Amino acid sequence: MTTRNPHLLIEGLLEAVILVDALDLSVLAANRAAGRLLGVEPGMLAGRSVLDTVCSPEDMVFWEEVASGTSREILSDTLLTRPDGSVVEVTRQVTLVRLEQ
């Protein structure tokens, strides 16, 4: 199966999935589960920097590793603050995936 729209691949998943461009850390797509987890509409994340959307100040080293490519897979726990002020604890797994686009 091939698709030019990676969002179609993640939309039906029950786990929260956010696709991030490793070069500039911009959000490419997010599924509905990610929107529910973060308390936002998934489309509101697209194009924004992951540093401004799903990143706490303590996460900078985590995302620097993602951007630099020093690790192909990262697993970490963090607390994220939703727009309504509530806090959610999440375990994140970042895995490098190369798209043909």
C-alpha atoms as a PDB file:
ATOM      1  CA  MET A   1       0.000   0.000   0.000  1.00  0.00           C
ATOM      2  CA  THR A   2       1.286   3.445  -0.857  1.00  0.00           C
ATOM      3  CA  THR A   3      -0.123   6.830  -0.036  1.00  0.00           C
ATOM      4  CA  ARG A   4       0.986  10.362  -0.595  1.00  0.00           C
ATOM      5  CA  ASN A   5      -0.911  11.470   2.486  1.00  0.00           C
ATOM      6  CA  PRO A   6       0.649  10.073   5.680  1.00  0.00           C
ATOM      7  CA  HIS A   7      -2.299  11.457   7.680  1.00  0.00           C
ATOM      8  CA  LEU A   8      -4.473   8.732   6.156  1.00  0.00           C
ATOM      9  CA  LEU A   9      -2.187   6.115   7.690  1.00  0.00           C
ATOM     10  CA  ILE A  10      -2.495   7.448  11.253  1.00  0.00           C
ATOM     11  CA  GLU A  11      -6.087   8.647  11.433  1.00  0.00           C
ATOM     12  CA  GLY A  12      -7.690   5.351  12.414  1.00  0.00           C
ATOM     13  CA  LEU A  13      -5.130   4.482  15.102  1.00  0.00           C
ATOM     14  CA  LEU A  14      -6.284   4.457  18.734  1.00  0.00           C
ATOM     15  CA  GLU A  15      -2.900   5.711  19.987  1.00  0.00           C
ATOM     16  CA  ALA A  16      -2.103   9.409  19.729  1.00  0.00           C
ATOM     17  CA  VAL A  17       0.213   9.936  16.757  1.00  0.00           C
ATOM     18  CA  ILE A  18       1.863  13.166  15.688  1.00  0.00           C
ATOM     19  CA  LEU A  19       4.050  13.242  12.583  1.00  0.00           C
ATOM     20  CA  VAL A  20       6.908  15.725  12.963  1.00  0.00           C
ATOM     21  CA  ASP A  21       9.391  16.913  10.344  1.00  0.00           C
ATOM     22  CA  ALA A  22      12.800  16.107  11.876  1.00  0.00           C
ATOM     23  CA  LEU A  23      14.479  18.977  10.015  1.00  0.00           C
ATOM     24  CA  ASP A  24      12.494  21.871  11.437  1.00  0.00           C
ATOM     25  CA  LEU A  25      10.356  20.099  14.092  1.00  0.00           C
ATOM     26  CA  SER A  26       7.114  21.269  12.490  1.00  0.00           C
ATOM     27  CA  VAL A  27       4.006  19.141  12.939  1.00  0.00           C
ATOM     28  CA  LEU A  28       3.071  17.512   9.634  1.00  0.00           C
ATOM     29  CA  ALA A  29      -0.111  15.821  10.861  1.00  0.00           C
ATOM     30  CA  ALA A  30      -1.848  14.617  14.009  1.00  0.00           C
ATOM     31  CA  ASN A  31      -4.623  12.088  14.401  1.00  0.00           C
ATOM     32  CA  ARG A  32      -7.875  12.499  16.357  1.00  0.00           C
ATOM     33  CA  ALA A  33      -6.456  10.555  19.322  1.00  0.00           C
ATOM     34  CA  ALA A  34      -3.637  13.115  19.601  1.00  0.00           C
ATOM     35  CA  GLY A  35      -6.163  15.934  19.481  1.00  0.00           C
ATOM     36  CA  ARG A  36      -8.181  14.354  22.282  1.00  0.00           C
ATOM     37  CA  LEU A  37      -5.069  13.774  24.380  1.00  0.00           C
ATOM     38  CA  LEU A  38      -3.869  17.348  23.935  1.00  0.00           C
ATOM     39  CA  GLY A  39      -7.312  18.953  24.132  1.00  0.00           C
ATOM     40  CA  VAL A  40      -7.166  20.548  20.666  1.00  0.00           C
ATOM     41  CA  GLU A  41      -8.436  19.934  17.164  1.00  0.00           C
ATOM     42  CA  PRO A  42      -5.770  17.899  15.333  1.00  0.00           C
ATOM     43  CA  GLY A  43      -5.728  20.356  12.425  1.00  0.00           C
ATOM     44  CA  MET A  44      -4.673  23.136  14.788  1.00  0.00           C
ATOM     45  CA  LEU A  45      -1.301  21.423  15.262  1.00  0.00           C
ATOM     46  CA  ALA A  46      -0.319  21.108  11.603  1.00  0.00           C
ATOM     47  CA  GLY A  47       2.419  23.491  10.533  1.00  0.00           C
ATOM     48  CA  ARG A  48       3.219  24.621  14.070  1.00  0.00           C
ATOM     49  CA  SER A  49       6.484  23.860  15.783  1.00  0.00           C
ATOM     50  CA  VAL A  50       6.356  20.876  18.094  1.00  0.00           C
ATOM     51  CA  LEU A  51       8.304  23.084  20.522  1.00  0.00           C
ATOM     52  CA  ASP A  52       5.255  25.379  20.769  1.00  0.00           C
ATOM     53  CA  THR A  53       2.613  22.680  20.871  1.00  0.00           C
ATOM     54  CA  VAL A  54       3.599  19.461  22.635  1.00  0.00           C
ATOM     55  CA  CYS A  55       6.791  20.442  24.381  1.00  0.00           C
ATOM     56  CA  SER A  56       7.470  21.386  27.955  1.00  0.00           C
ATOM     57  CA  PRO A  57      10.624  23.405  28.745  1.00  0.00           C
ATOM     58  CA  GLU A  58      12.288  20.275  30.105  1.00  0.00           C
ATOM     59  CA  ASP A  59      11.833  18.563  26.732  1.00  0.00           C
ATOM     60  CA  MET A  60      14.348  20.656  24.785  1.00  0.00           C
ATOM     61  CA  VAL A  61      17.102  18.007  24.999  1.00  0.00           C
ATOM     62  CA  PHE A  62      14.605  15.364  23.865  1.00  0.00           C
ATOM     63  CA  TRP A  63      13.666  17.345  20.733  1.00  0.00           C
ATOM     64  CA  GLU A  64      17.276  18.368  20.065  1.00  0.00           C
ATOM     65  CA  GLU A  65      18.091  14.643  19.843  1.00  0.00           C
ATOM     66  CA  VAL A  66      15.218  14.169  17.417  1.00  0.00           C
ATOM     67  CA  ALA A  67      16.305  17.116  15.247  1.00  0.00           C
ATOM     68  CA  SER A  68      19.980  16.152  15.248  1.00  0.00           C
ATOM     69  CA  GLY A  69      19.291  12.524  14.392  1.00  0.00           C
ATOM     70  CA  THR A  70      21.546  11.326  17.223  1.00  0.00           C
ATOM     71  CA  SER A  71      18.932   8.754  18.095  1.00  0.00           C
ATOM     72  CA  ARG A  72      16.615   6.787  15.851  1.00  0.00           C
ATOM     73  CA  GLU A  73      14.267   6.001  18.726  1.00  0.00           C
ATOM     74  CA  ILE A  74      13.585   7.877  21.944  1.00  0.00           C
ATOM     75  CA  LEU A  75      11.294   6.905  24.803  1.00  0.00           C
ATOM     76  CA  SER A  76      10.453   9.397  27.554  1.00  0.00           C
ATOM     77  CA  ASP A  77       7.802  10.389  30.068  1.00  0.00           C
ATOM     78  CA  THR A  78       6.643  13.971  30.419  1.00  0.00           C
ATOM     79  CA  LEU A  79       3.807  16.199  31.583  1.00  0.00           C
ATOM     80  CA  LEU A  80       2.040  18.311  28.977  1.00  0.00           C
ATOM     81  CA  THR A  81      -0.221  21.253  29.697  1.00  0.00           C
ATOM     82  CA  ARG A  82      -3.394  21.485  27.623  1.00  0.00           C
ATOM     83  CA  PRO A  83      -4.839  24.831  26.501  1.00  0.00           C
ATOM     84  CA  ASP A  84      -7.444  24.626  29.308  1.00  0.00           C
ATOM     85  CA  GLY A  85      -4.652  24.412  31.901  1.00  0.00           C
ATOM     86  CA  SER A  86      -5.116  20.734  32.739  1.00  0.00           C
ATOM     87  CA  VAL A  87      -2.008  18.570  32.794  1.00  0.00           C
ATOM     88  CA  VAL A  88      -1.673  15.133  31.238  1.00  0.00           C
ATOM     89  CA  GLU A  89       1.150  12.660  31.810  1.00  0.00           C
ATOM     90  CA  VAL A  90       2.316  10.947  28.647  1.00  0.00           C
ATOM     91  CA  THR A  91       4.891   8.389  27.620  1.00  0.00           C
ATOM     92  CA  ARG A  92       6.273   9.302  24.220  1.00  0.00           C
ATOM     93  CA  GLN A  93       8.017   7.109  21.757  1.00  0.00           C
ATOM     94  CA  VAL A  94       9.671   8.846  18.838  1.00  0.00           C
ATOM     95  CA  THR A  95      10.786   6.682  15.962  1.00  0.00           C
ATOM     96  CA  LEU A  96      12.508   8.000  12.862  1.00  0.00           C
ATOM     97  CA  VAL A  97      10.544   7.159   9.731  1.00  0.00           C
ATOM     98  CA  ARG A  98      11.611   8.346   6.301  1.00  0.00           C
ATOM     99  CA  LEU A  99       8.840   9.217   3.858  1.00  0.00           C
ATOM    100  CA  GLU A 100       9.511   9.219   0.133  1.00  0.00           C
ATOM    101  CA  GLN A 101       8.035  12.696  -0.272  1.00  0.00           C
END
